[in-house]
């Protein structure tokens, strides 16, 4: 398992405030993804590439959203 990949996912979780379950669904369609990665489960190179591409796409999408104003 790529420690760098889990670090990137954890950074994304911290940036967005989303739950690890939701992030797993967004990135790979698997709500157990983050927990399994933390436990050391193997990631196929194709899946790692899919996850990284999804991270980039989500960041772009979120950067284009209008900013919420605080109450």
PDB file of N, CA and C in Angstrom:
ATOM      1  N   UNK A   1       0.843  -1.180   0.000  1.00  0.00           N
ATOM      2  CA  UNK A   1       0.000   0.000   0.000  1.00  0.00           C
ATOM      3  C   UNK A   1       0.880   1.232   0.000  1.00  0.00           C
ATOM      4  N   UNK A   2       0.511   2.188  -0.778  1.00  0.00           N
ATOM      5  CA  UNK A   2       1.269   3.417  -0.898  1.00  0.00           C
ATOM      6  C   UNK A   2       0.940   4.367   0.257  1.00  0.00           C
ATOM      7  N   UNK A   3       1.946   4.614   1.092  1.00  0.00           N
ATOM      8  CA  UNK A   3       1.747   5.539   2.209  1.00  0.00           C
ATOM      9  C   UNK A   3       1.443   6.940   1.694  1.00  0.00           C
ATOM     10  N   UNK A   4       2.012   7.267   0.538  1.00  0.00           N
ATOM     11  CA  UNK A   4       1.758   8.580  -0.046  1.00  0.00           C
ATOM     12  C   UNK A   4       0.289   8.719  -0.446  1.00  0.00           C
ATOM     13  N   UNK A   5      -0.279   7.653  -0.979  1.00  0.00           N
ATOM     14  CA  UNK A   5      -1.679   7.690  -1.385  1.00  0.00           C
ATOM     15  C   UNK A   5      -2.592   7.926  -0.187  1.00  0.00           C
ATOM     16  N   UNK A   6      -2.388   7.199   0.888  1.00  0.00           N
ATOM     17  CA  UNK A   6      -3.245   7.387   2.065  1.00  0.00           C
ATOM     18  C   UNK A   6      -3.051   8.787   2.644  1.00  0.00           C
ATOM     19  N   UNK A   7      -1.832   9.297   2.566  1.00  0.00           N
ATOM     20  CA  UNK A   7      -1.565  10.657   3.031  1.00  0.00           C
ATOM     21  C   UNK A   7      -2.345  11.679   2.192  1.00  0.00           C
ATOM     22  N   UNK A   8      -2.373  11.479   0.885  1.00  0.00           N
ATOM     23  CA  UNK A   8      -3.124  12.375  -0.007  1.00  0.00           C
ATOM     24  C   UNK A   8      -4.617  12.316   0.305  1.00  0.00           C
ATOM     25  N   UNK A   9      -5.121  11.118   0.550  1.00  0.00           N
ATOM     26  CA  UNK A   9      -6.547  10.964   0.871  1.00  0.00           C
ATOM     27  C   UNK A   9      -6.860  11.622   2.206  1.00  0.00           C
ATOM     28  N   UNK A  10      -6.005  11.439   3.197  1.00  0.00           N
ATOM     29  CA  UNK A  10      -6.235  12.049   4.507  1.00  0.00           C
ATOM     30  C   UNK A  10      -6.187  13.573   4.423  1.00  0.00           C
ATOM     31  N   UNK A  11      -5.314  14.104   3.596  1.00  0.00           N
ATOM     32  CA  UNK A  11      -5.268  15.558   3.378  1.00  0.00           C
ATOM     33  C   UNK A  11      -6.584  16.035   2.774  1.00  0.00           C
ATOM     34  N   UNK A  12      -7.095  15.285   1.804  1.00  0.00           N
ATOM     35  CA  UNK A  12      -8.372  15.625   1.168  1.00  0.00           C
ATOM     36  C   UNK A  12      -9.507  15.590   2.194  1.00  0.00           C
ATOM     37  N   UNK A  13      -9.509  14.580   3.053  1.00  0.00           N
ATOM     38  CA  UNK A  13     -10.530  14.479   4.104  1.00  0.00           C
ATOM     39  C   UNK A  13     -10.468  15.710   5.015  1.00  0.00           C
ATOM     40  N   UNK A  14      -9.255  16.109   5.393  1.00  0.00           N
ATOM     41  CA  UNK A  14      -9.089  17.285   6.260  1.00  0.00           C
ATOM     42  C   UNK A  14      -9.543  18.567   5.551  1.00  0.00           C
ATOM     43  N   UNK A  15      -9.243  18.688   4.263  1.00  0.00           N
ATOM     44  CA  UNK A  15      -9.619  19.879   3.500  1.00  0.00           C
ATOM     45  C   UNK A  15     -11.131  20.013   3.338  1.00  0.00           C
ATOM     46  N   UNK A  16     -11.783  18.890   3.114  1.00  0.00           N
ATOM     47  CA  UNK A  16     -13.210  18.928   2.792  1.00  0.00           C
ATOM     48  C   UNK A  16     -14.121  18.741   3.991  1.00  0.00           C
ATOM     49  N   UNK A  17     -13.614  18.090   5.035  1.00  0.00           N
ATOM     50  CA  UNK A  17     -14.450  17.793   6.182  1.00  0.00           C
ATOM     51  C   UNK A  17     -15.418  16.638   5.942  1.00  0.00           C
ATOM     52  N   UNK A  18     -15.237  15.926   4.830  1.00  0.00           N
ATOM     53  CA  UNK A  18     -16.091  14.779   4.527  1.00  0.00           C
ATOM     54  C   UNK A  18     -15.670  13.578   5.356  1.00  0.00           C
ATOM     55  N   UNK A  19     -16.588  12.665   5.562  1.00  0.00           N
ATOM     56  CA  UNK A  19     -16.257  11.436   6.284  1.00  0.00           C
ATOM     57  C   UNK A  19     -15.419  10.534   5.383  1.00  0.00           C
ATOM     58  N   UNK A  20     -14.668   9.627   6.005  1.00  0.00           N
ATOM     59  CA  UNK A  20     -13.850   8.714   5.206  1.00  0.00           C
ATOM     60  C   UNK A  20     -14.740   7.814   4.345  1.00  0.00           C
ATOM     61  N   UNK A  21     -15.929   7.489   4.836  1.00  0.00           N
ATOM     62  CA  UNK A  21     -16.863   6.676   4.051  1.00  0.00           C
ATOM     63  C   UNK A  21     -17.260   7.416   2.765  1.00  0.00           C
ATOM     64  N   UNK A  22     -17.636   8.679   2.919  1.00  0.00           N
ATOM     65  CA  UNK A  22     -18.063   9.487   1.760  1.00  0.00           C
ATOM     66  C   UNK A  22     -16.920   9.669   0.773  1.00  0.00           C
ATOM     67  N   UNK A  23     -15.727   9.895   1.277  1.00  0.00           N
ATOM     68  CA  UNK A  23     -14.566  10.082   0.398  1.00  0.00           C
ATOM     69  C   UNK A  23     -14.293   8.795  -0.387  1.00  0.00           C
ATOM     70  N   UNK A  24     -14.403   7.657   0.268  1.00  0.00           N
ATOM     71  CA  UNK A  24     -14.215   6.389  -0.428  1.00  0.00           C
ATOM     72  C   UNK A  24     -15.220   6.198  -1.550  1.00  0.00           C
ATOM     73  N   UNK A  25     -16.462   6.596  -1.289  1.00  0.00           N
ATOM     74  CA  UNK A  25     -17.508   6.508  -2.321  1.00  0.00           C
ATOM     75  C   UNK A  25     -17.175   7.448  -3.484  1.00  0.00           C
ATOM     76  N   UNK A  26     -16.778   8.674  -3.165  1.00  0.00           N
ATOM     77  CA  UNK A  26     -16.449   9.644  -4.216  1.00  0.00           C
ATOM     78  C   UNK A  26     -15.273   9.192  -5.076  1.00  0.00           C
ATOM     79  N   UNK A  27     -14.249   8.658  -4.439  1.00  0.00           N
ATOM     80  CA  UNK A  27     -13.009   8.355  -5.154  1.00  0.00           C
ATOM     81  C   UNK A  27     -13.026   7.013  -5.873  1.00  0.00           C
ATOM     82  N   UNK A  28     -13.671   6.020  -5.285  1.00  0.00           N
ATOM     83  CA  UNK A  28     -13.582   4.680  -5.865  1.00  0.00           C
ATOM     84  C   UNK A  28     -14.884   3.894  -5.800  1.00  0.00           C
ATOM     85  N   UNK A  29     -15.952   4.520  -5.347  1.00  0.00           N
ATOM     86  CA  UNK A  29     -17.208   3.802  -5.240  1.00  0.00           C
ATOM     87  C   UNK A  29     -17.204   2.748  -4.145  1.00  0.00           C
ATOM     88  N   UNK A  30     -16.347   2.959  -3.115  1.00  0.00           N
ATOM     89  CA  UNK A  30     -16.204   1.979  -2.043  1.00  0.00           C
ATOM     90  C   UNK A  30     -16.071   2.707  -0.712  1.00  0.00           C
ATOM     91  N   UNK A  31     -17.098   2.645   0.098  1.00  0.00           N
ATOM     92  CA  UNK A  31     -17.104   3.342   1.379  1.00  0.00           C
ATOM     93  C   UNK A  31     -16.106   2.795   2.384  1.00  0.00           C
ATOM     94  N   UNK A  32     -15.598   1.613   2.144  1.00  0.00           N
ATOM     95  CA  UNK A  32     -14.608   1.026   3.056  1.00  0.00           C
ATOM     96  C   UNK A  32     -13.175   1.246   2.603  1.00  0.00           C
ATOM     97  N   UNK A  33     -12.988   1.966   1.526  1.00  0.00           N
ATOM     98  CA  UNK A  33     -11.661   2.175   0.940  1.00  0.00           C
ATOM     99  C   UNK A  33     -10.648   2.711   1.943  1.00  0.00           C
ATOM    100  N   UNK A  34     -10.958   3.812   2.596  1.00  0.00           N
ATOM    101  CA  UNK A  34      -9.985   4.477   3.467  1.00  0.00           C
ATOM    102  C   UNK A  34      -9.596   3.578   4.632  1.00  0.00           C
ATOM    103  N   UNK A  35     -10.568   2.971   5.272  1.00  0.00           N
ATOM    104  CA  UNK A  35     -10.276   2.071   6.389  1.00  0.00           C
ATOM    105  C   UNK A  35      -9.396   0.906   5.965  1.00  0.00           C
ATOM    106  N   UNK A  36      -9.684   0.354   4.814  1.00  0.00           N
ATOM    107  CA  UNK A  36      -8.880  -0.771   4.322  1.00  0.00           C
ATOM    108  C   UNK A  36      -7.461  -0.338   3.986  1.00  0.00           C
ATOM    109  N   UNK A  37      -7.316   0.838   3.405  1.00  0.00           N
ATOM    110  CA  UNK A  37      -5.973   1.338   3.094  1.00  0.00           C
ATOM    111  C   UNK A  37      -5.175   1.566   4.378  1.00  0.00           C
ATOM    112  N   UNK A  38      -5.827   2.108   5.385  1.00  0.00           N
ATOM    113  CA  UNK A  38      -5.150   2.342   6.666  1.00  0.00           C
ATOM    114  C   UNK A  38      -4.683   1.039   7.305  1.00  0.00           C
ATOM    115  N   UNK A  39      -5.406  -0.043   7.044  1.00  0.00           N
ATOM    116  CA  UNK A  39      -5.027  -1.350   7.596  1.00  0.00           C
ATOM    117  C   UNK A  39      -3.974  -2.053   6.745  1.00  0.00           C
ATOM    118  N   UNK A  40      -3.574  -1.413   5.648  1.00  0.00           N
ATOM    119  CA  UNK A  40      -2.503  -1.969   4.832  1.00  0.00           C
ATOM    120  C   UNK A  40      -2.938  -2.805   3.654  1.00  0.00           C
ATOM    121  N   UNK A  41      -4.199  -2.733   3.283  1.00  0.00           N
ATOM    122  CA  UNK A  41      -4.668  -3.506   2.134  1.00  0.00           C
ATOM    123  C   UNK A  41      -3.960  -3.071   0.856  1.00  0.00           C
ATOM    124  N   UNK A  42      -3.820  -4.024  -0.039  1.00  0.00           N
ATOM    125  CA  UNK A  42      -3.155  -3.780  -1.318  1.00  0.00           C
ATOM    126  C   UNK A  42      -4.041  -2.947  -2.223  1.00  0.00           C
ATOM    127  N   UNK A  43      -3.390  -2.107  -3.035  1.00  0.00           N
ATOM    128  CA  UNK A  43      -4.100  -1.307  -4.030  1.00  0.00           C
ATOM    129  C   UNK A  43      -3.494  -1.628  -5.388  1.00  0.00           C
ATOM    130  N   UNK A  44      -4.332  -2.029  -6.310  1.00  0.00           N
ATOM    131  CA  UNK A  44      -3.862  -2.273  -7.667  1.00  0.00           C
ATOM    132  C   UNK A  44      -3.442  -0.945  -8.294  1.00  0.00           C
ATOM    133  N   UNK A  45      -2.423  -0.960  -9.145  1.00  0.00           N
ATOM    134  CA  UNK A  45      -1.963   0.290  -9.780  1.00  0.00           C
ATOM    135  C   UNK A  45      -3.084   1.025 -10.518  1.00  0.00           C
ATOM    136  N   UNK A  46      -3.962   0.279 -11.160  1.00  0.00           N
ATOM    137  CA  UNK A  46      -5.073   0.913 -11.880  1.00  0.00           C
ATOM    138  C   UNK A  46      -6.019   1.630 -10.917  1.00  0.00           C
ATOM    139  N   UNK A  47      -6.242   1.027  -9.760  1.00  0.00           N
ATOM    140  CA  UNK A  47      -7.113   1.638  -8.754  1.00  0.00           C
ATOM    141  C   UNK A  47      -6.452   2.875  -8.164  1.00  0.00           C
ATOM    142  N   UNK A  48      -5.164   2.792  -7.906  1.00  0.00           N
ATOM    143  CA  UNK A  48      -4.431   3.955  -7.385  1.00  0.00           C
ATOM    144  C   UNK A  48      -4.507   5.114  -8.371  1.00  0.00           C
ATOM    145  N   UNK A  49      -4.363   4.819  -9.642  1.00  0.00           N
ATOM    146  CA  UNK A  49      -4.458   5.856 -10.675  1.00  0.00           C
ATOM    147  C   UNK A  49      -5.861   6.457 -10.693  1.00  0.00           C
ATOM    148  N   UNK A  50      -6.887   5.616 -10.596  1.00  0.00           N
ATOM    149  CA  UNK A  50      -8.278   6.076 -10.569  1.00  0.00           C
ATOM    150  C   UNK A  50      -8.525   6.989  -9.370  1.00  0.00           C
ATOM    151  N   UNK A  51      -7.976   6.603  -8.212  1.00  0.00           N
ATOM    152  CA  UNK A  51      -8.161   7.390  -6.995  1.00  0.00           C
ATOM    153  C   UNK A  51      -7.487   8.757  -7.139  1.00  0.00           C
ATOM    154  N   UNK A  52      -6.260   8.764  -7.636  1.00  0.00           N
ATOM    155  CA  UNK A  52      -5.543  10.046  -7.801  1.00  0.00           C
ATOM    156  C   UNK A  52      -6.258  10.953  -8.804  1.00  0.00           C
ATOM    157  N   UNK A  53      -6.746  10.380  -9.897  1.00  0.00           N
ATOM    158  CA  UNK A  53      -7.493  11.178 -10.876  1.00  0.00           C
ATOM    159  C   UNK A  53      -8.767  11.741 -10.261  1.00  0.00           C
ATOM    160  N   UNK A  54      -9.448  10.935  -9.460  1.00  0.00           N
ATOM    161  CA  UNK A  54     -10.667  11.402  -8.795  1.00  0.00           C
ATOM    162  C   UNK A  54     -10.356  12.507  -7.786  1.00  0.00           C
ATOM    163  N   UNK A  55      -9.240  12.381  -7.073  1.00  0.00           N
ATOM    164  CA  UNK A  55      -8.824  13.442  -6.132  1.00  0.00           C
ATOM    165  C   UNK A  55      -8.635  14.760  -6.874  1.00  0.00           C
ATOM    166  N   UNK A  56      -7.914  14.705  -7.989  1.00  0.00           N
ATOM    167  CA  UNK A  56      -7.688  15.921  -8.788  1.00  0.00           C
ATOM    168  C   UNK A  56      -9.009  16.507  -9.272  1.00  0.00           C
ATOM    169  N   UNK A  57      -9.877  15.654  -9.809  1.00  0.00           N
ATOM    170  CA  UNK A  57     -11.159  16.122 -10.342  1.00  0.00           C
ATOM    171  C   UNK A  57     -12.024  16.747  -9.245  1.00  0.00           C
ATOM    172  N   UNK A  58     -12.060  16.130  -8.074  1.00  0.00           N
ATOM    173  CA  UNK A  58     -12.848  16.675  -6.955  1.00  0.00           C
ATOM    174  C   UNK A  58     -12.302  18.023  -6.501  1.00  0.00           C
ATOM    175  N   UNK A  59     -10.989  18.148  -6.455  1.00  0.00           N
ATOM    176  CA  UNK A  59     -10.391  19.432  -6.047  1.00  0.00           C
ATOM    177  C   UNK A  59     -10.733  20.533  -7.046  1.00  0.00           C
ATOM    178  N   UNK A  60     -10.661  20.212  -8.334  1.00  0.00           N
ATOM    179  CA  UNK A  60     -11.005  21.194  -9.365  1.00  0.00           C
ATOM    180  C   UNK A  60     -12.471  21.582  -9.238  1.00  0.00           C
ATOM    181  N   UNK A  61     -13.321  20.581  -9.109  1.00  0.00           N
ATOM    182  CA  UNK A  61     -14.763  20.829  -8.987  1.00  0.00           C
ATOM    183  C   UNK A  61     -15.067  21.709  -7.784  1.00  0.00           C
ATOM    184  N   UNK A  62     -14.436  21.406  -6.656  1.00  0.00           N
ATOM    185  CA  UNK A  62     -14.677  22.179  -5.437  1.00  0.00           C
ATOM    186  C   UNK A  62     -14.103  23.590  -5.526  1.00  0.00           C
ATOM    187  N   UNK A  63     -13.018  23.772  -6.258  1.00  0.00           N
ATOM    188  CA  UNK A  63     -12.436  25.113  -6.396  1.00  0.00           C
ATOM    189  C   UNK A  63     -13.304  26.014  -7.267  1.00  0.00           C
ATOM    190  N   UNK A  64     -14.125  25.388  -8.118  1.00  0.00           N
ATOM    191  CA  UNK A  64     -14.992  26.158  -9.009  1.00  0.00           C
ATOM    192  C   UNK A  64     -16.339  26.497  -8.378  1.00  0.00           C
ATOM    193  N   UNK A  65     -16.661  25.889  -7.243  1.00  0.00           N
ATOM    194  CA  UNK A  65     -17.921  26.181  -6.560  1.00  0.00           C
ATOM    195  C   UNK A  65     -17.865  27.553  -5.900  1.00  0.00           C
ATOM    196  N   UNK A  66     -18.988  28.259  -5.873  1.00  0.00           N
ATOM    197  CA  UNK A  66     -18.999  29.540  -5.154  1.00  0.00           C
ATOM    198  C   UNK A  66     -18.711  29.308  -3.672  1.00  0.00           C
ATOM    199  N   UNK A  67     -17.971  30.209  -3.089  1.00  0.00           N
ATOM    200  CA  UNK A  67     -17.619  30.099  -1.678  1.00  0.00           C
ATOM    201  C   UNK A  67     -18.827  30.428  -0.822  1.00  0.00           C
ATOM    202  N   UNK A  68     -19.019  29.629   0.237  1.00  0.00           N
ATOM    203  CA  UNK A  68     -20.094  29.912   1.197  1.00  0.00           C
ATOM    204  C   UNK A  68     -19.667  31.044   2.108  1.00  0.00           C
ATOM    205  N   UNK A  69     -20.599  31.903   2.416  1.00  0.00           N
ATOM    206  CA  UNK A  69     -20.297  32.968   3.374  1.00  0.00           C
ATOM    207  C   UNK A  69     -20.676  32.505   4.773  1.00  0.00           C
ATOM    208  N   UNK A  70     -19.912  32.926   5.746  1.00  0.00           N
ATOM    209  CA  UNK A  70     -20.206  32.573   7.135  1.00  0.00           C
ATOM    210  C   UNK A  70     -21.387  33.384   7.642  1.00  0.00           C
ATOM    211  N   UNK A  71     -22.211  32.792   8.512  1.00  0.00           N
ATOM    212  CA  UNK A  71     -23.387  33.541   9.021  1.00  0.00           C
ATOM    213  C   UNK A  71     -22.986  34.656   9.941  1.00  0.00           C
TER     214      UNK A  71
END
